[in-house]
Amino acid sequence: MDFQKLLQKKKSAILEKWLDEIFNSYHVNTAEFLRVEGDRFANPVGYVIARNLRKILDGLIEGSDMQAISSYLEDIIKIRAVQDFTPAEALSFMVSLKKVITSEIPAETEADVTGLVSRIDHLTLLASDIYAATKKKIEQLKQRERIKNHVLVSQAWQSPGREIASSQAPRNDMTDGGSLQ
């Protein structure tokens, strides 16, 4: 059987095992919810992961352009970047795809698997770039929010009619001659 047809035949089993691998990276209760709840509004994370893993797998099997596939990867990486995953944990689902495929494909097709594994490795490197860019963007947004909050507090503190009488001002007992007692 031709390798492409074999992958198509095994696609459902591969996808199911791959979904299990990524969902198992979550806490047990969360993993169960992600697996069971298919409503895109009740479970947007599970929906995006399942939909995009399917599209990534389809793209890999069909030999689609890596940039096209990486757009589906980006949605998953953005989700995992805002969660409490280390970079290795966030990207581990790409490595697990290789394990799943090799467990489903017979050994005699090893030469064909090597080409697919190479594409998965390339996609994993793209995922790493996406993850790093997403984390950088998150940090920039946090910094911008800290600056915005600082400016708002400063403006509120300095607004007219907001003078604080010395009796209402906060005391720093260390600098105005007070004691620690």
N, C-alpha and C. Protein backbone atom coordinates (compact mmCIF):
# COMPACT_ATOMS: atom_id res chain seq x y z
N MET A 1 0.85 -1.19 0.00
CA MET A 1 0.00 0.00 0.00
C MET A 1 0.89 1.24 0.00
N ASP A 2 0.53 2.19 -0.80
CA ASP A 2 1.24 3.46 -0.91
C ASP A 2 1.19 4.20 0.44
N PHE A 3 2.29 4.88 0.80
CA PHE A 3 2.43 5.53 2.11
C PHE A 3 1.34 6.56 2.35
N GLN A 4 1.03 7.35 1.33
CA GLN A 4 -0.01 8.38 1.45
C GLN A 4 -1.36 7.74 1.80
N LYS A 5 -1.69 6.66 1.13
CA LYS A 5 -2.96 5.97 1.39
C LYS A 5 -2.96 5.34 2.78
N LEU A 6 -1.82 4.83 3.18
CA LEU A 6 -1.71 4.25 4.52
C LEU A 6 -1.94 5.32 5.59
N LEU A 7 -1.34 6.48 5.39
CA LEU A 7 -1.56 7.59 6.34
C LEU A 7 -3.02 8.01 6.36
N GLN A 8 -3.64 8.09 5.20
CA GLN A 8 -5.06 8.44 5.15
C GLN A 8 -5.90 7.42 5.90
N LYS A 9 -5.58 6.14 5.71
CA LYS A 9 -6.32 5.06 6.37
C LYS A 9 -6.15 5.14 7.89
N LYS A 10 -4.97 5.48 8.34
CA LYS A 10 -4.66 5.52 9.78
C LYS A 10 -4.90 6.89 10.41
N LYS A 11 -5.34 7.86 9.61
CA LYS A 11 -5.46 9.24 10.09
C LYS A 11 -6.32 9.37 11.34
N SER A 12 -7.46 8.73 11.39
CA SER A 12 -8.35 8.84 12.56
C SER A 12 -7.68 8.31 13.82
N ALA A 13 -7.01 7.17 13.72
CA ALA A 13 -6.33 6.60 14.88
C ALA A 13 -5.18 7.49 15.32
N ILE A 14 -4.44 8.02 14.35
CA ILE A 14 -3.32 8.92 14.67
C ILE A 14 -3.84 10.17 15.36
N LEU A 15 -4.89 10.76 14.81
CA LEU A 15 -5.45 11.98 15.39
C LEU A 15 -5.96 11.74 16.81
N GLU A 16 -6.66 10.63 17.01
CA GLU A 16 -7.19 10.32 18.33
C GLU A 16 -6.07 10.18 19.36
N LYS A 17 -5.02 9.44 19.00
CA LYS A 17 -3.89 9.28 19.92
C LYS A 17 -3.16 10.60 20.14
N TRP A 18 -3.04 11.41 19.10
CA TRP A 18 -2.37 12.70 19.22
C TRP A 18 -3.15 13.63 20.13
N LEU A 19 -4.48 13.63 19.98
CA LEU A 19 -5.32 14.44 20.87
C LEU A 19 -5.15 13.97 22.31
N ASP A 20 -5.11 12.66 22.53
CA ASP A 20 -4.89 12.14 23.88
C ASP A 20 -3.56 12.64 24.44
N GLU A 21 -2.53 12.64 23.61
CA GLU A 21 -1.21 13.10 24.06
C GLU A 21 -1.25 14.56 24.51
N ILE A 22 -1.88 15.41 23.72
CA ILE A 22 -1.91 16.83 24.10
C ILE A 22 -2.83 17.07 25.29
N PHE A 23 -3.98 16.39 25.33
CA PHE A 23 -4.89 16.57 26.46
C PHE A 23 -4.30 16.02 27.75
N ASN A 24 -3.48 14.97 27.65
CA ASN A 24 -2.84 14.41 28.84
C ASN A 24 -1.78 15.33 29.44
N SER A 25 -1.41 16.38 28.72
CA SER A 25 -0.45 17.34 29.28
C SER A 25 -1.13 18.30 30.26
N TYR A 26 -2.45 18.22 30.36
CA TYR A 26 -3.22 19.05 31.29
C TYR A 26 -3.54 18.25 32.56
N HIS A 27 -3.98 18.96 33.56
CA HIS A 27 -4.46 18.33 34.80
C HIS A 27 -5.58 17.35 34.43
N VAL A 28 -5.74 16.30 35.21
CA VAL A 28 -6.68 15.22 34.90
C VAL A 28 -8.10 15.75 34.65
N ASN A 29 -8.60 16.61 35.51
CA ASN A 29 -9.97 17.14 35.34
C ASN A 29 -10.08 17.99 34.09
N THR A 30 -9.08 18.81 33.85
CA THR A 30 -9.07 19.65 32.66
C THR A 30 -9.00 18.79 31.40
N ALA A 31 -8.14 17.79 31.43
CA ALA A 31 -7.99 16.89 30.28
C ALA A 31 -9.32 16.22 29.94
N GLU A 32 -10.02 15.76 30.95
CA GLU A 32 -11.30 15.10 30.71
C GLU A 32 -12.31 16.08 30.09
N PHE A 33 -12.35 17.29 30.62
CA PHE A 33 -13.26 18.30 30.07
C PHE A 33 -12.90 18.61 28.61
N LEU A 34 -11.62 18.79 28.34
CA LEU A 34 -11.18 19.11 26.98
C LEU A 34 -11.56 17.99 26.01
N ARG A 35 -11.46 16.75 26.47
CA ARG A 35 -11.79 15.59 25.63
C ARG A 35 -13.29 15.48 25.36
N VAL A 36 -14.08 15.68 26.40
CA VAL A 36 -15.51 15.37 26.34
C VAL A 36 -16.34 16.51 25.76
N GLU A 37 -16.08 17.72 26.18
CA GLU A 37 -16.91 18.85 25.78
C GLU A 37 -16.51 19.34 24.39
N GLY A 38 -17.37 19.10 23.41
CA GLY A 38 -17.05 19.45 22.03
C GLY A 38 -17.61 20.79 21.56
N ASP A 39 -18.41 21.44 22.40
CA ASP A 39 -19.02 22.71 22.02
C ASP A 39 -17.96 23.80 21.98
N ARG A 40 -17.86 24.46 20.86
CA ARG A 40 -16.82 25.47 20.69
C ARG A 40 -16.97 26.66 21.62
N PHE A 41 -18.18 26.89 22.13
CA PHE A 41 -18.39 28.02 23.04
C PHE A 41 -18.21 27.61 24.50
N ALA A 42 -18.58 26.38 24.83
CA ALA A 42 -18.39 25.89 26.19
C ALA A 42 -16.94 25.47 26.43
N ASN A 43 -16.24 25.10 25.36
CA ASN A 43 -14.87 24.60 25.48
C ASN A 43 -14.04 25.12 24.30
N PRO A 44 -13.78 26.43 24.26
CA PRO A 44 -13.04 26.96 23.11
C PRO A 44 -11.62 26.42 22.98
N VAL A 45 -10.96 26.13 24.10
CA VAL A 45 -9.59 25.61 24.04
C VAL A 45 -9.59 24.22 23.42
N GLY A 46 -10.44 23.34 23.91
CA GLY A 46 -10.52 22.00 23.36
C GLY A 46 -10.92 22.00 21.90
N TYR A 47 -11.84 22.88 21.56
CA TYR A 47 -12.31 22.98 20.17
C TYR A 47 -11.17 23.42 19.25
N VAL A 48 -10.45 24.46 19.63
CA VAL A 48 -9.36 24.98 18.80
C VAL A 48 -8.26 23.92 18.66
N ILE A 49 -7.93 23.28 19.76
CA ILE A 49 -6.88 22.26 19.70
C ILE A 49 -7.29 21.12 18.77
N ALA A 50 -8.49 20.57 18.97
CA ALA A 50 -8.94 19.43 18.15
C ALA A 50 -9.04 19.82 16.68
N ARG A 51 -9.64 20.96 16.39
CA ARG A 51 -9.80 21.40 15.01
C ARG A 51 -8.44 21.62 14.34
N ASN A 52 -7.55 22.29 15.04
CA ASN A 52 -6.26 22.63 14.43
C ASN A 52 -5.32 21.44 14.34
N LEU A 53 -5.37 20.52 15.30
CA LEU A 53 -4.56 19.31 15.16
C LEU A 53 -4.99 18.53 13.92
N ARG A 54 -6.29 18.46 13.70
CA ARG A 54 -6.81 17.77 12.52
C ARG A 54 -6.29 18.45 11.24
N LYS A 55 -6.30 19.77 11.21
CA LYS A 55 -5.83 20.49 10.03
C LYS A 55 -4.32 20.36 9.85
N ILE A 56 -3.58 20.33 10.95
CA ILE A 56 -2.13 20.14 10.86
C ILE A 56 -1.83 18.75 10.30
N LEU A 57 -2.52 17.75 10.84
CA LEU A 57 -2.30 16.39 10.36
C LEU A 57 -2.68 16.25 8.89
N ASP A 58 -3.82 16.83 8.51
CA ASP A 58 -4.22 16.81 7.10
C ASP A 58 -3.14 17.45 6.23
N GLY A 59 -2.64 18.58 6.65
CA GLY A 59 -1.61 19.29 5.89
C GLY A 59 -0.33 18.49 5.75
N LEU A 60 0.07 17.82 6.84
CA LEU A 60 1.27 17.00 6.79
C LEU A 60 1.08 15.81 5.84
N ILE A 61 -0.07 15.17 5.92
CA ILE A 61 -0.35 14.01 5.07
C ILE A 61 -0.43 14.42 3.60
N GLU A 62 -1.06 15.56 3.34
CA GLU A 62 -1.24 16.00 1.96
C GLU A 62 0.00 16.68 1.40
N GLY A 63 0.98 16.96 2.25
CA GLY A 63 2.20 17.62 1.79
C GLY A 63 2.01 19.11 1.57
N SER A 64 1.11 19.72 2.32
CA SER A 64 0.84 21.16 2.19
C SER A 64 2.07 21.98 2.55
N ASP A 65 2.06 23.24 2.10
CA ASP A 65 3.11 24.20 2.41
C ASP A 65 3.20 24.38 3.92
N MET A 66 4.42 24.41 4.43
CA MET A 66 4.64 24.52 5.88
C MET A 66 4.08 25.82 6.45
N GLN A 67 4.14 26.89 5.71
CA GLN A 67 3.58 28.17 6.19
C GLN A 67 2.07 28.05 6.39
N ALA A 68 1.42 27.36 5.47
CA ALA A 68 -0.03 27.17 5.60
C ALA A 68 -0.35 26.35 6.85
N ILE A 69 0.43 25.32 7.08
CA ILE A 69 0.21 24.47 8.25
C ILE A 69 0.52 25.24 9.53
N SER A 70 1.54 26.09 9.48
CA SER A 70 1.95 26.80 10.69
C SER A 70 0.88 27.76 11.20
N SER A 71 -0.03 28.21 10.34
CA SER A 71 -1.11 29.09 10.82
C SER A 71 -2.02 28.33 11.79
N TYR A 72 -2.24 27.04 11.56
CA TYR A 72 -3.04 26.24 12.49
C TYR A 72 -2.25 25.98 13.77
N LEU A 73 -0.98 25.81 13.61
CA LEU A 73 -0.10 25.59 14.75
C LEU A 73 -0.08 26.82 15.65
N GLU A 74 -0.10 27.98 15.04
CA GLU A 74 -0.02 29.23 15.79
C GLU A 74 -1.15 29.36 16.81
N ASP A 75 -2.37 28.98 16.43
CA ASP A 75 -3.50 29.08 17.36
C ASP A 75 -3.27 28.22 18.60
N ILE A 76 -2.76 27.02 18.41
CA ILE A 76 -2.50 26.12 19.54
C ILE A 76 -1.36 26.66 20.40
N ILE A 77 -0.31 27.12 19.77
CA ILE A 77 0.85 27.64 20.50
C ILE A 77 0.45 28.87 21.32
N LYS A 78 -0.37 29.74 20.77
CA LYS A 78 -0.79 30.92 21.53
C LYS A 78 -1.55 30.51 22.79
N ILE A 79 -2.40 29.51 22.68
CA ILE A 79 -3.13 29.02 23.85
C ILE A 79 -2.15 28.49 24.89
N ARG A 80 -1.21 27.67 24.46
CA ARG A 80 -0.28 27.04 25.39
C ARG A 80 0.73 28.04 25.95
N ALA A 81 1.01 29.11 25.22
CA ALA A 81 1.96 30.13 25.70
C ALA A 81 1.39 30.93 26.87
N VAL A 82 0.08 31.11 26.92
CA VAL A 82 -0.51 31.87 28.03
C VAL A 82 -0.81 30.98 29.23
N GLN A 83 -0.68 29.69 29.06
CA GLN A 83 -0.89 28.77 30.17
C GLN A 83 0.43 28.53 30.88
N ASP A 84 0.39 27.82 31.98
CA ASP A 84 1.59 27.61 32.80
C ASP A 84 2.44 26.44 32.31
N PHE A 85 2.80 26.46 31.04
CA PHE A 85 3.65 25.43 30.47
C PHE A 85 5.05 25.99 30.27
N THR A 86 6.04 25.17 30.50
CA THR A 86 7.39 25.55 30.10
C THR A 86 7.42 25.47 28.57
N PRO A 87 8.43 26.05 27.93
CA PRO A 87 8.50 25.93 26.47
C PRO A 87 8.51 24.47 26.01
N ALA A 88 9.24 23.62 26.69
CA ALA A 88 9.29 22.20 26.31
C ALA A 88 7.92 21.55 26.45
N GLU A 89 7.21 21.85 27.52
CA GLU A 89 5.88 21.28 27.72
C GLU A 89 4.90 21.81 26.67
N ALA A 90 5.01 23.09 26.35
CA ALA A 90 4.10 23.69 25.38
C ALA A 90 4.25 23.08 24.00
N LEU A 91 5.46 22.69 23.64
CA LEU A 91 5.73 22.17 22.30
C LEU A 91 5.80 20.65 22.25
N SER A 92 5.68 19.98 23.37
CA SER A 92 5.84 18.53 23.42
C SER A 92 4.84 17.79 22.54
N PHE A 93 3.70 18.39 22.28
CA PHE A 93 2.70 17.70 21.45
C PHE A 93 3.20 17.46 20.03
N MET A 94 4.13 18.29 19.56
CA MET A 94 4.70 18.07 18.23
C MET A 94 5.61 16.85 18.23
N VAL A 95 6.38 16.68 19.29
CA VAL A 95 7.25 15.51 19.41
C VAL A 95 6.40 14.25 19.55
N SER A 96 5.31 14.35 20.28
CA SER A 96 4.45 13.18 20.47
C SER A 96 3.81 12.72 19.17
N LEU A 97 3.64 13.61 18.20
CA LEU A 97 3.08 13.20 16.91
C LEU A 97 3.98 12.17 16.24
N LYS A 98 5.28 12.37 16.34
CA LYS A 98 6.21 11.40 15.74
C LYS A 98 6.04 10.03 16.40
N LYS A 99 5.90 10.03 17.72
CA LYS A 99 5.72 8.77 18.45
C LYS A 99 4.42 8.08 18.02
N VAL A 100 3.36 8.86 17.91
CA VAL A 100 2.07 8.30 17.51
C VAL A 100 2.14 7.73 16.10
N ILE A 101 2.73 8.46 15.18
CA ILE A 101 2.81 7.98 13.79
C ILE A 101 3.62 6.71 13.70
N THR A 102 4.76 6.68 14.36
CA THR A 102 5.59 5.47 14.27
C THR A 102 4.93 4.27 14.95
N SER A 103 4.05 4.52 15.92
CA SER A 103 3.33 3.40 16.55
C SER A 103 2.21 2.87 15.64
N GLU A 104 1.73 3.70 14.73
CA GLU A 104 0.62 3.31 13.86
C GLU A 104 1.06 2.81 12.49
N ILE A 105 2.25 3.16 12.08
CA ILE A 105 2.71 2.82 10.73
C ILE A 105 3.66 1.62 10.81
N PRO A 106 3.49 0.63 9.94
CA PRO A 106 4.36 -0.56 9.96
C PRO A 106 5.82 -0.20 9.68
N ALA A 107 6.71 -1.01 10.21
CA ALA A 107 8.15 -0.77 10.10
C ALA A 107 8.64 -0.76 8.65
N GLU A 108 7.97 -1.49 7.76
CA GLU A 108 8.45 -1.55 6.37
C GLU A 108 8.32 -0.21 5.64
N THR A 109 7.61 0.72 6.19
CA THR A 109 7.47 2.03 5.56
C THR A 109 8.41 3.05 6.19
N GLU A 110 9.43 2.59 6.86
CA GLU A 110 10.32 3.46 7.62
C GLU A 110 10.93 4.58 6.78
N ALA A 111 11.30 4.29 5.54
CA ALA A 111 11.88 5.32 4.67
C ALA A 111 10.89 6.45 4.43
N ASP A 112 9.62 6.11 4.25
CA ASP A 112 8.59 7.14 4.05
C ASP A 112 8.35 7.92 5.33
N VAL A 113 8.40 7.24 6.45
CA VAL A 113 8.19 7.89 7.74
C VAL A 113 9.28 8.93 7.98
N THR A 114 10.50 8.64 7.55
CA THR A 114 11.61 9.56 7.75
C THR A 114 11.32 10.92 7.12
N GLY A 115 10.76 10.94 5.92
CA GLY A 115 10.41 12.21 5.28
C GLY A 115 9.35 12.96 6.05
N LEU A 116 8.35 12.23 6.55
CA LEU A 116 7.29 12.86 7.33
C LEU A 116 7.83 13.38 8.65
N VAL A 117 8.70 12.62 9.29
CA VAL A 117 9.31 13.04 10.55
C VAL A 117 10.13 14.31 10.34
N SER A 118 10.79 14.40 9.22
CA SER A 118 11.56 15.60 8.91
C SER A 118 10.64 16.82 8.80
N ARG A 119 9.49 16.65 8.18
CA ARG A 119 8.51 17.75 8.09
C ARG A 119 7.97 18.11 9.47
N ILE A 120 7.75 17.11 10.31
CA ILE A 120 7.28 17.37 11.68
C ILE A 120 8.35 18.13 12.45
N ASP A 121 9.61 17.74 12.29
CA ASP A 121 10.70 18.47 12.96
C ASP A 121 10.74 19.93 12.51
N HIS A 122 10.58 20.15 11.22
CA HIS A 122 10.57 21.51 10.69
C HIS A 122 9.40 22.30 11.29
N LEU A 123 8.26 21.67 11.37
CA LEU A 123 7.08 22.32 11.95
C LEU A 123 7.30 22.61 13.45
N THR A 124 8.01 21.71 14.12
CA THR A 124 8.32 21.92 15.54
C THR A 124 9.21 23.14 15.72
N LEU A 125 10.17 23.32 14.83
CA LEU A 125 11.02 24.51 14.89
C LEU A 125 10.20 25.78 14.63
N LEU A 126 9.26 25.72 13.70
CA LEU A 126 8.36 26.86 13.48
C LEU A 126 7.54 27.13 14.75
N ALA A 127 7.10 26.06 15.40
CA ALA A 127 6.33 26.20 16.64
C ALA A 127 7.16 26.90 17.71
N SER A 128 8.43 26.59 17.76
CA SER A 128 9.33 27.23 18.72
C SER A 128 9.42 28.73 18.47
N ASP A 129 9.53 29.12 17.22
CA ASP A 129 9.56 30.54 16.86
C ASP A 129 8.25 31.23 17.24
N ILE A 130 7.14 30.56 16.96
CA ILE A 130 5.82 31.12 17.29
C ILE A 130 5.69 31.28 18.80
N TYR A 131 6.12 30.27 19.54
CA TYR A 131 6.04 30.33 21.00
C TYR A 131 6.86 31.51 21.54
N ALA A 132 8.09 31.65 21.07
CA ALA A 132 8.95 32.74 21.54
C ALA A 132 8.34 34.10 21.21
N ALA A 133 7.81 34.26 20.01
CA ALA A 133 7.19 35.53 19.62
C ALA A 133 5.95 35.82 20.46
N THR A 134 5.18 34.78 20.75
CA THR A 134 3.97 34.96 21.56
C THR A 134 4.33 35.35 22.98
N LYS A 135 5.32 34.70 23.57
CA LYS A 135 5.74 35.05 24.93
C LYS A 135 6.27 36.49 24.98
N LYS A 136 7.00 36.89 23.95
CA LYS A 136 7.50 38.27 23.88
C LYS A 136 6.34 39.25 23.81
N LYS A 137 5.35 38.95 23.01
CA LYS A 137 4.17 39.81 22.88
C LYS A 137 3.41 39.89 24.21
N ILE A 138 3.27 38.77 24.90
CA ILE A 138 2.60 38.77 26.20
C ILE A 138 3.35 39.66 27.18
N GLU A 139 4.66 39.56 27.20
CA GLU A 139 5.47 40.38 28.10
C GLU A 139 5.34 41.86 27.75
N GLN A 140 5.31 42.19 26.46
CA GLN A 140 5.12 43.58 26.04
C GLN A 140 3.76 44.11 26.49
N LEU A 141 2.73 43.27 26.37
CA LEU A 141 1.39 43.68 26.80
C LEU A 141 1.34 43.90 28.31
N LYS A 142 2.00 43.03 29.06
CA LYS A 142 2.05 43.19 30.52
C LYS A 142 2.78 44.47 30.89
N GLN A 143 3.89 44.74 30.22
CA GLN A 143 4.66 45.95 30.50
C GLN A 143 3.84 47.19 30.17
N ARG A 144 3.16 47.16 29.03
CA ARG A 144 2.31 48.29 28.64
C ARG A 144 1.21 48.51 29.67
N GLU A 145 0.64 47.42 30.18
CA GLU A 145 -0.42 47.52 31.19
C GLU A 145 0.13 48.08 32.50
N ARG A 146 1.34 47.68 32.90
CA ARG A 146 1.95 48.23 34.11
C ARG A 146 2.18 49.73 33.97
N ILE A 147 2.67 50.15 32.81
CA ILE A 147 2.92 51.58 32.57
C ILE A 147 1.60 52.34 32.59
N LYS A 148 0.60 51.80 31.93
CA LYS A 148 -0.72 52.45 31.89
C LYS A 148 -1.28 52.61 33.30
N ASN A 149 -1.19 51.56 34.10
CA ASN A 149 -1.70 51.63 35.48
C ASN A 149 -0.92 52.65 36.30
N HIS A 150 0.39 52.70 36.11
CA HIS A 150 1.21 53.67 36.83
C HIS A 150 0.81 55.09 36.46
N VAL A 151 0.60 55.34 35.18
CA VAL A 151 0.20 56.67 34.72
C VAL A 151 -1.17 57.03 35.29
N LEU A 152 -2.10 56.10 35.26
CA LEU A 152 -3.44 56.38 35.79
C LEU A 152 -3.40 56.69 37.28
N VAL A 153 -2.62 55.95 38.02
CA VAL A 153 -2.50 56.21 39.46
C VAL A 153 -1.84 57.56 39.69
N SER A 154 -0.81 57.86 38.92
CA SER A 154 -0.13 59.17 39.07
C SER A 154 -1.07 60.32 38.74
N GLN A 155 -1.84 60.18 37.69
CA GLN A 155 -2.79 61.22 37.30
C GLN A 155 -3.87 61.39 38.36
N ALA A 156 -4.36 60.30 38.90
CA ALA A 156 -5.40 60.39 39.93
C ALA A 156 -4.84 61.05 41.19
N TRP A 157 -3.62 60.75 41.50
CA TRP A 157 -2.99 61.30 42.70
C TRP A 157 -2.74 62.79 42.55
N GLN A 158 -2.47 63.24 41.33
CA GLN A 158 -2.12 64.64 41.09
C GLN A 158 -3.30 65.46 40.59
N SER A 159 -4.47 64.90 40.50
CA SER A 159 -5.61 65.64 39.95
C SER A 159 -6.03 66.76 40.88
N PRO A 160 -6.57 67.86 40.30
CA PRO A 160 -7.00 69.02 41.12
C PRO A 160 -8.07 68.60 42.11
N GLY A 161 -8.03 69.21 43.27
CA GLY A 161 -9.01 68.91 44.30
C GLY A 161 -8.68 67.61 45.03
N ARG A 162 -7.55 67.06 44.76
CA ARG A 162 -7.17 65.77 45.35
C ARG A 162 -6.05 65.97 46.37
N GLU A 163 -5.81 67.23 46.75
CA GLU A 163 -4.76 67.47 47.72
C GLU A 163 -5.10 66.73 49.01
N ILE A 164 -4.12 66.17 49.60
CA ILE A 164 -4.32 65.42 50.83
C ILE A 164 -3.77 66.24 51.98
N ALA A 165 -4.59 66.41 52.94
CA ALA A 165 -4.14 67.13 54.14
C ALA A 165 -3.03 66.33 54.78
N SER A 166 -2.12 67.02 55.43
CA SER A 166 -0.98 66.33 56.02
C SER A 166 -1.43 65.30 57.04
N SER A 167 -2.58 65.50 57.67
CA SER A 167 -3.06 64.52 58.64
C SER A 167 -3.57 63.25 57.95
N GLN A 168 -3.94 63.36 56.66
CA GLN A 168 -4.43 62.21 55.92
C GLN A 168 -3.33 61.51 55.13
N ALA A 169 -2.20 62.17 54.96
CA ALA A 169 -1.13 61.60 54.15
C ALA A 169 -0.54 60.38 54.85
N PRO A 170 -0.16 59.40 54.09
CA PRO A 170 0.45 58.22 54.69
C PRO A 170 1.76 58.57 55.38
N ARG A 171 2.02 57.97 56.52
CA ARG A 171 3.22 58.26 57.29
C ARG A 171 4.25 57.19 57.05
N ASN A 172 5.45 57.64 56.96
CA ASN A 172 6.57 56.73 56.89
C ASN A 172 7.37 56.97 58.15
N ASP A 173 7.14 56.15 59.15
CA ASP A 173 7.75 56.37 60.46
C ASP A 173 9.26 56.32 60.43
N MET A 174 9.83 55.76 59.40
CA MET A 174 11.28 55.66 59.32
C MET A 174 11.92 56.98 58.91
N THR A 175 11.21 57.84 58.19
CA THR A 175 11.82 59.06 57.69
C THR A 175 11.37 60.32 58.40
N ASP A 176 10.31 60.27 59.18
CA ASP A 176 9.87 61.50 59.81
C ASP A 176 10.12 61.52 61.31
N GLY A 177 11.13 60.80 61.72
CA GLY A 177 11.54 60.84 63.12
C GLY A 177 10.78 59.91 64.01
N GLY A 178 9.84 59.18 63.49
CA GLY A 178 9.07 58.23 64.31
C GLY A 178 9.91 57.03 64.66
N SER A 179 9.42 56.26 65.59
CA SER A 179 10.15 55.06 66.00
C SER A 179 9.46 53.82 65.41
N LEU A 180 10.12 52.70 65.50
CA LEU A 180 9.58 51.45 65.00
C LEU A 180 8.58 50.83 65.97
N GLN A 181 8.50 51.34 67.16
CA GLN A 181 7.62 50.76 68.17
C GLN A 181 6.21 51.17 68.05
